[in-house]
Protein backbone atom coordinates (compact mmCIF):
# COMPACT_ATOMS: atom_id res chain seq x y z
CA MET A 1 108.53 155.95 78.06
CA ARG A 2 107.78 153.88 74.96
CA ILE A 3 109.93 150.77 75.25
CA ALA A 4 110.41 147.95 72.73
CA HIS A 5 111.96 144.66 73.79
CA LEU A 6 113.25 142.27 71.11
CA ILE A 7 113.98 138.57 71.49
CA THR A 8 114.51 135.86 68.88
CA ARG A 9 111.94 133.36 70.18
CA LEU A 10 109.72 132.82 73.21
CA ILE A 11 110.62 129.30 74.25
CA ILE A 12 110.49 128.33 77.92
CA GLY A 13 113.97 129.38 78.96
CA GLY A 14 115.87 131.72 81.23
CA ALA A 15 116.37 134.63 78.83
CA GLN A 16 112.74 134.46 77.74
CA GLU A 17 111.35 134.34 81.29
CA ASN A 18 113.63 137.25 82.22
CA THR A 19 112.39 139.29 79.24
CA VAL A 20 108.70 138.63 79.89
CA LEU A 21 109.07 139.56 83.57
CA THR A 22 110.83 142.77 82.53
CA CYS A 23 108.04 143.68 80.12
CA GLU A 24 105.38 142.95 82.72
CA GLY A 25 107.17 144.97 85.38
CA LEU A 26 107.81 147.98 83.16
CA GLN A 27 104.22 148.02 81.92
CA ALA A 28 103.02 147.90 85.55
CA ARG A 29 105.23 150.93 86.28
CA GLY A 30 103.37 152.98 83.69
CA HIS A 31 105.55 152.58 80.61
CA GLU A 32 104.20 151.65 77.17
CA VAL A 33 105.85 148.31 76.34
CA THR A 34 105.95 146.29 73.12
CA LEU A 35 107.58 142.86 72.92
CA ILE A 36 108.83 141.88 69.45
CA THR A 37 109.67 138.22 68.85
CA GLY A 38 110.09 135.63 66.15
CA PRO A 39 107.50 132.88 65.68
CA GLU A 40 109.60 129.80 66.49
CA THR A 41 109.06 127.50 69.42
CA GLY A 42 111.07 124.41 70.41
CA PRO A 43 111.04 121.21 72.46
CA GLU A 44 111.39 123.33 75.61
CA GLY A 45 107.82 124.58 75.19
CA SER A 46 106.51 128.04 74.30
CA LEU A 47 105.63 131.21 76.21
CA LEU A 48 104.06 132.87 73.17
CA GLU A 49 100.42 132.05 73.91
CA GLU A 50 100.87 133.06 77.53
CA VAL A 51 102.20 136.52 76.67
CA ARG A 52 99.49 137.19 74.09
CA SER A 53 97.15 137.81 77.02
CA ALA A 54 99.61 140.11 78.79
CA ALA A 55 99.01 143.82 79.36
CA PHE A 56 101.83 144.79 76.99
CA ASP A 57 101.69 144.52 73.19
CA VAL A 58 103.24 141.54 71.39
CA VAL A 59 104.36 141.65 67.75
CA VAL A 60 105.56 138.52 65.90
CA VAL A 61 108.03 139.11 63.05
CA ASP A 62 107.99 136.01 60.86
CA GLU A 63 111.42 136.66 59.33
CA LEU A 64 113.12 136.68 62.75
CA ARG A 65 114.40 133.10 63.13
CA ARG A 66 117.17 131.50 65.17
CA SER A 67 119.05 129.79 62.33
CA ILE A 68 121.44 131.85 60.22
CA ARG A 69 120.19 132.44 56.66
CA PRO A 70 121.67 135.66 55.27
CA TRP A 71 118.90 136.57 52.83
CA ARG A 72 116.13 136.01 55.39
CA ASP A 73 118.19 137.79 58.05
CA LEU A 74 118.49 140.85 55.81
CA LYS A 75 114.71 140.81 55.37
CA ALA A 76 114.33 140.58 59.14
CA LEU A 77 116.64 143.58 59.57
CA GLY A 78 114.54 145.64 57.17
CA ARG A 79 111.29 144.53 58.78
CA LEU A 80 112.54 145.38 62.27
CA ALA A 81 113.81 148.79 61.19
CA ALA A 82 110.45 149.59 59.58
CA LEU A 83 108.53 148.39 62.64
CA LEU A 84 110.68 150.45 65.00
CA GLY A 85 110.19 153.44 62.73
CA GLU A 86 106.43 153.01 63.15
CA LEU A 87 106.57 152.46 66.92
CA ARG A 88 109.05 155.30 67.55
CA PRO A 89 110.21 153.92 70.93
CA ASP A 90 112.34 155.89 73.35
CA VAL A 91 114.22 152.70 74.21
CA VAL A 92 114.97 149.51 72.29
CA HIS A 93 116.16 146.71 74.55
CA THR A 94 117.38 143.53 72.85
CA HIS A 95 117.94 139.99 74.12
CA SER A 96 119.57 136.82 72.71
CA SER A 97 122.08 136.55 69.88
CA LYS A 98 120.07 136.97 66.68
CA ALA A 99 117.62 139.59 67.95
CA GLY A 100 120.46 141.25 69.81
CA ILE A 101 122.48 141.83 66.66
CA LEU A 102 119.69 142.51 64.16
CA GLY A 103 117.62 144.48 66.67
CA ARG A 104 120.40 146.89 67.57
CA LEU A 105 121.32 147.49 63.94
CA ALA A 106 117.64 148.05 63.13
CA ALA A 107 117.26 150.44 66.08
CA ALA A 108 120.26 152.44 64.90
CA ARG A 109 118.78 152.61 61.40
CA ALA A 110 115.46 153.80 62.90
CA GLN A 111 117.35 156.43 64.95
CA VAL A 112 116.09 155.18 68.29
CA PRO A 113 117.59 157.49 70.96
CA MET A 114 118.43 154.79 73.54
CA ILE A 115 119.60 151.27 72.66
CA VAL A 116 120.19 148.69 75.40
CA HIS A 117 121.18 145.03 75.16
CA THR A 118 121.20 142.25 77.78
CA ILE A 119 123.78 139.46 77.64
CA HIS A 120 122.05 136.44 79.17
CA GLY A 121 124.85 134.16 77.97
CA MET A 122 127.68 134.87 75.57
CA SER A 123 126.79 134.27 71.92
CA PHE A 124 130.34 132.92 71.48
CA ASN A 125 131.36 130.29 74.00
CA ARG A 126 133.67 127.36 74.72
CA THR A 127 131.36 124.80 73.08
CA GLN A 128 131.68 126.33 69.58
CA ALA A 129 134.24 125.88 66.82
CA TRP A 130 136.77 128.71 66.53
CA PRO A 131 135.36 130.18 63.26
CA VAL A 132 131.87 130.37 64.79
CA ARG A 133 133.18 132.03 67.95
CA GLN A 134 135.16 134.54 65.93
CA THR A 135 132.20 135.40 63.68
CA TYR A 136 129.91 136.04 66.64
CA ARG A 137 132.62 138.05 68.39
CA LEU A 138 132.95 140.35 65.37
CA LEU A 139 129.17 140.74 65.05
CA GLU A 140 128.86 141.57 68.75
CA ARG A 141 131.55 144.25 68.38
CA LEU A 142 129.64 145.75 65.46
CA ALA A 143 126.34 145.76 67.35
CA ALA A 144 127.99 147.20 70.47
CA ARG A 145 128.99 150.29 68.49
CA HIS A 146 125.27 151.15 68.38
CA THR A 147 124.56 150.29 72.03
CA HIS A 148 124.36 152.86 74.80
CA ARG A 149 124.37 150.35 77.64
CA ILE A 150 124.98 146.59 77.84
CA LEU A 151 123.41 144.78 80.78
CA THR A 152 124.77 141.44 81.94
CA VAL A 153 123.06 138.91 84.20
CA ALA A 154 126.36 138.22 86.00
CA ASP A 155 129.63 140.06 86.54
CA ALA A 156 131.37 137.19 84.74
CA MET A 157 129.56 138.04 81.51
CA ALA A 158 130.79 141.65 81.61
CA ALA A 159 134.36 140.49 82.28
CA GLN A 160 134.26 138.05 79.36
CA ALA A 161 132.81 140.67 77.01
CA VAL A 162 135.44 143.25 77.96
CA GLN A 163 138.20 140.66 77.54
CA ALA A 164 136.83 139.91 74.05
CA ARG A 165 136.93 143.66 73.30
CA ILE A 166 133.19 143.87 72.65
CA ALA A 167 133.01 147.29 74.32
CA PRO A 168 134.84 149.27 77.03
CA PRO A 169 134.08 148.50 80.70
CA ASP A 170 132.05 151.66 81.27
CA ARG A 171 129.42 150.45 78.80
CA PHE A 172 128.47 147.46 81.04
CA ILE A 173 126.32 147.09 84.13
CA THR A 174 125.27 143.91 85.94
CA VAL A 175 121.55 143.44 86.57
CA TYR A 176 120.92 140.01 88.04
CA SER A 177 118.23 137.94 86.37
CA GLY A 178 114.90 138.23 88.19
CA MET A 179 112.56 135.43 89.25
CA ARG A 180 108.99 135.21 90.49
CA THR A 181 110.29 134.50 93.96
CA ASP A 182 106.75 134.06 95.30
CA TRP A 183 106.47 130.90 93.16
CA PHE A 184 109.52 129.44 94.91
CA ASP A 185 108.51 129.16 98.55
CA PRO A 186 109.15 125.82 100.29
CA ALA A 187 106.59 126.69 102.98
CA THR A 188 103.79 126.37 100.40
CA CYS A 189 104.73 122.80 99.36
CA ASP A 190 103.88 119.41 100.89
CA ARG A 191 107.32 117.84 100.60
CA ALA A 192 106.22 114.38 101.76
CA ALA A 193 103.40 114.21 99.22
CA ILE A 194 105.68 115.45 96.42
CA ARG A 195 108.30 112.80 97.22
CA THR A 196 105.62 110.11 97.24
CA ARG A 197 104.49 111.19 93.75
CA LEU A 198 108.12 111.01 92.59
CA GLY A 199 108.48 107.49 93.99
CA LEU A 200 110.98 108.55 96.66
CA GLN A 201 111.25 106.91 100.06
CA ASP A 202 112.38 108.57 103.30
CA ARG A 203 115.84 107.01 103.07
CA HIS A 204 116.45 108.27 99.54
CA VAL A 205 118.61 111.32 98.88
CA ALA A 206 117.19 112.92 95.73
CA VAL A 207 119.59 114.73 93.40
CA GLY A 208 117.77 117.02 90.97
CA THR A 209 118.74 118.43 87.58
CA VAL A 210 116.74 121.06 85.66
CA ALA A 211 117.99 121.34 82.06
CA ARG A 212 117.13 120.46 78.50
CA LEU A 213 118.07 116.90 77.55
CA PHE A 214 120.52 118.20 75.00
CA ARG A 215 124.24 118.37 74.30
CA ASN A 216 126.14 121.08 76.16
CA LYS A 217 123.76 120.84 79.12
CA GLY A 218 126.26 118.55 80.81
CA TYR A 219 124.61 115.13 80.75
CA GLU A 220 127.74 113.62 79.18
CA GLN A 221 129.55 114.59 82.38
CA LEU A 222 126.63 114.12 84.77
CA ILE A 223 125.75 110.53 83.88
CA PRO A 224 129.26 109.12 84.60
CA ALA A 225 129.32 111.12 87.86
CA MET A 226 125.92 109.69 88.78
CA ASP A 227 127.19 106.19 88.09
CA ARG A 228 130.26 106.71 90.28
CA ALA A 229 128.24 108.24 93.13
CA ALA A 230 125.45 105.65 92.99
CA ARG A 231 127.95 102.81 93.33
CA GLN A 232 129.04 104.28 96.67
CA ASN A 233 125.64 105.37 97.99
CA PRO A 234 122.75 103.01 97.19
CA ASP A 235 120.22 105.50 98.59
CA LEU A 236 120.88 108.08 95.87
CA ARG A 237 118.04 108.79 93.47
CA PHE A 238 118.00 111.29 90.59
CA VAL A 239 115.21 113.55 89.30
CA TRP A 240 115.58 115.11 85.86
CA VAL A 241 113.26 117.99 84.92
CA GLY A 242 113.23 118.70 81.20
CA ASP A 243 113.07 117.12 77.77
CA GLY A 244 114.93 117.42 74.51
CA ALA A 245 116.40 115.85 71.41
CA GLN A 246 118.87 113.63 73.28
CA ARG A 247 116.38 112.04 75.68
CA ARG A 248 116.37 108.64 74.02
CA HIS A 249 120.17 108.55 73.92
CA TYR A 250 120.47 109.48 77.60
CA GLU A 251 117.87 106.90 78.57
CA TYR A 252 119.92 104.28 76.72
CA GLU A 253 123.02 105.32 78.68
CA LEU A 254 121.10 105.05 81.95
CA GLU A 255 119.89 101.56 80.98
CA ARG A 256 123.40 100.51 79.99
CA LEU A 257 124.80 101.58 83.36
CA GLY A 258 121.95 100.05 85.35
CA LEU A 259 120.76 103.46 86.54
CA ARG A 260 117.40 103.75 84.81
CA ASP A 261 115.36 102.59 87.81
CA ARG A 262 117.08 105.22 89.96
CA VAL A 263 116.14 108.15 87.71
CA VAL A 264 112.79 109.93 87.53
CA LEU A 265 112.26 111.81 84.25
CA THR A 266 109.47 114.33 84.67
CA GLY A 267 109.55 115.63 81.09
CA LEU A 268 108.70 119.26 80.40
CA LEU A 269 106.99 121.11 83.22
CA PRO A 270 105.45 124.59 83.32
CA PRO A 271 107.79 126.96 85.18
CA ARG A 272 105.55 127.10 88.24
CA GLU A 273 105.54 123.30 88.60
CA VAL A 274 109.34 123.22 88.63
CA ALA A 275 109.18 124.69 92.13
CA THR A 276 107.02 121.78 93.26
CA VAL A 277 109.57 119.22 92.09
CA LEU A 278 112.42 121.18 93.67
CA ALA A 279 110.61 120.97 96.99
CA GLY A 280 110.92 117.18 96.82
CA ILE A 281 114.65 116.91 96.12
CA ASP A 282 117.60 117.27 98.50
CA LEU A 283 120.18 118.97 96.29
CA LEU A 284 120.57 120.17 92.71
CA VAL A 285 123.39 119.41 90.27
CA HIS A 286 123.99 121.85 87.44
CA ALA A 287 126.51 120.56 84.89
CA SER A 288 125.94 122.87 81.92
CA GLN A 289 128.96 123.54 79.73
CA TRP A 290 128.34 127.27 79.49
CA GLU A 291 126.06 129.70 81.28
CA GLY A 292 125.18 133.28 81.86
CA LEU A 293 123.63 132.97 85.28
CA PRO A 294 122.24 129.47 86.10
CA ARG A 295 118.58 130.18 86.86
CA ALA A 296 118.01 126.57 87.89
CA ALA A 297 120.56 127.07 90.65
CA VAL A 298 118.78 130.21 91.85
CA GLN A 299 115.42 128.43 91.82
CA ALA A 300 116.79 125.47 93.77
CA LEU A 301 118.32 127.78 96.38
CA LEU A 302 115.04 129.69 96.68
CA MET A 303 113.53 126.32 97.60
CA GLY A 304 116.25 125.81 100.21
CA LYS A 305 118.26 123.22 98.23
CA PRO A 306 122.05 123.47 97.95
CA VAL A 307 123.68 123.30 94.52
CA VAL A 308 126.65 121.49 92.99
CA SER A 309 127.90 123.20 89.85
CA PHE A 310 130.88 123.51 87.57
CA ALA A 311 132.85 126.66 88.44
CA ILE A 312 132.16 128.52 85.20
CA ASP A 313 130.70 131.83 84.03
CA GLY A 314 128.12 133.24 86.47
CA ALA A 315 127.79 130.12 88.63
CA PRO A 316 130.18 131.32 91.40
CA GLU A 317 128.01 134.41 91.87
CA VAL A 318 125.16 132.27 93.20
CA VAL A 319 126.85 128.98 94.20
CA ARG A 320 129.21 130.14 96.93
CA PRO A 321 131.53 127.30 97.98
CA GLY A 322 130.84 126.17 101.51
CA GLN A 323 127.98 128.67 101.87
CA THR A 324 125.26 127.85 99.31
CA GLY A 325 126.77 124.82 97.59
CA LEU A 326 129.90 123.31 96.09
CA LEU A 327 131.83 124.22 92.94
CA VAL A 328 134.00 121.77 91.00
CA PRO A 329 136.33 122.24 88.01
CA LEU A 330 134.70 122.14 84.59
CA ASN A 331 134.19 118.57 83.33
CA ASP A 332 135.86 116.95 86.36
CA ARG A 333 133.52 113.98 86.68
CA GLN A 334 135.26 112.54 89.73
CA ALA A 335 135.02 115.86 91.58
CA LEU A 336 131.36 116.12 90.57
CA ALA A 337 130.66 112.69 92.05
CA ARG A 338 132.58 113.54 95.23
CA ALA A 339 130.58 116.74 95.71
CA ILE A 340 127.29 114.86 95.27
CA LEU A 341 128.40 112.26 97.83
CA GLU A 342 129.57 114.93 100.28
CA LEU A 343 126.22 116.71 100.35
CA ALA A 344 124.25 113.45 100.25
CA ALA A 345 126.01 112.29 103.41
CA ASN A 346 125.45 115.48 105.39
CA PRO A 347 121.81 116.59 105.86
CA GLY A 348 122.84 119.30 108.32
CA LEU A 349 125.17 120.87 105.78
CA ARG A 350 122.45 120.72 103.13
CA GLU A 351 120.01 122.49 105.42
CA ARG A 352 122.50 125.20 106.35
CA MET A 353 123.51 125.85 102.73
CA GLY A 354 119.92 125.83 101.55
CA ARG A 355 118.88 128.35 104.19
CA ALA A 356 121.75 130.69 103.32
CA GLY A 357 121.06 130.29 99.61
CA ARG A 358 117.40 131.20 99.98
CA GLN A 359 118.27 134.37 101.89
CA LEU A 360 120.81 135.38 99.22
CA CYS A 361 118.46 134.75 96.31
CA LEU A 362 115.47 136.53 97.85
CA ARG A 363 117.62 139.67 98.10
CA ARG A 364 119.39 139.47 94.77
CA PHE A 365 117.13 137.71 92.27
CA ASP A 366 113.61 139.01 92.82
CA ALA A 367 111.91 140.20 89.62
CA GLY A 368 110.95 143.51 91.21
CA VAL A 369 114.57 144.26 92.05
CA MET A 370 115.55 143.50 88.44
CA VAL A 371 112.84 145.70 86.89
CA GLU A 372 113.69 148.61 89.19
CA ALA A 373 117.37 148.37 88.19
CA ILE A 374 116.53 148.23 84.47
CA GLU A 375 114.19 151.21 84.72
CA ARG A 376 116.95 153.12 86.51
CA VAL A 377 119.31 152.42 83.58
CA TYR A 378 116.74 153.84 81.13
CA LEU A 379 116.18 156.96 83.25
CA GLU A 380 119.92 157.58 83.63
CA LEU A 381 120.39 157.26 79.87
CA ALA A 382 117.50 159.63 79.23
CA ALA A 383 119.03 162.23 81.56
CA ALA A 384 122.59 161.92 80.24
CA PRO A 385 124.07 163.71 77.22
CA LYS A 386 123.76 161.36 74.28
CA ARG A 387 126.95 159.54 73.34
CA PRO A 388 127.66 159.99 69.63
CA ARG A 389 127.50 156.82 67.57
CA GLU A 390 130.88 155.30 66.79
């Protein structure tokens, strides 16, 4: 099949890594794949140069940008429709909010026979003002009218979309987000050497976080929880992987609380190096305010590290309480600190949870499993009578 994937921008992020892995896997299975993206990058880093050398084709549409500007967005819609008319794909598969909405409308205009969209995280979420949420909800409903199948990276995303009346339940299917699981193998890492590079001693219990240093990633909740936990356990140390616009502010907060010398900030790391750092920690804390499926949690569990997370969105589908980690109520800082202390004090529990988590994630989150499931969706749509457009 000729397959076109659309995404707004190729920053280093979960949706982008998922999309690139899908394109690579489908191309390797004999399909003709084109990835269409906007030109923007961000402080997270860019995957654009990496994918230019991939086996599939990459097309950059300059008008496709993340920010909302109606006139430019209309130009992007026209450009995408014209491009899809030239490519004549059998399937258009969209990702992310802007490309998801414009791409599906453009595909409908170009009379593409199969239109698929993946929800990596809801475009409307609890961190937004009500008018913004409502606008995105209405746009998603409009785009869903032109969508034959909507994939979600967690069952929670499908439930939220159905509750918001985006589309009926039979339009959704969960396909868990795939990882390069071979990159995340603790047996390939020298844990002692990694901990030495991070400045960690044997007695230290290292608590990792992998997230942009940005609002809504949970640092406003994490830092007070770190302070509370560190006062009770002097051996706690913290390793932050990532960078972002709020770094200076968060560093000031750490200094103010006397925590700065307990925190290692690695800055941005290439995705493959994240696994190396995860090998050196003892547990991961994920405090994001909204999620699709927390890829950082999956990656930590693949490295045999248990996870503490807020019980939101897709997190409970990977962080199973008492089995692979601990869940706490959203924004409950005291509960977050207690969970950190509980795992820090119990190395046997950490080992048991990490082992169970790795087994779960190897089965459920391998990139090959994801690509096979996505291909199966395309083949089922191709074989089925075409649903008339609404």
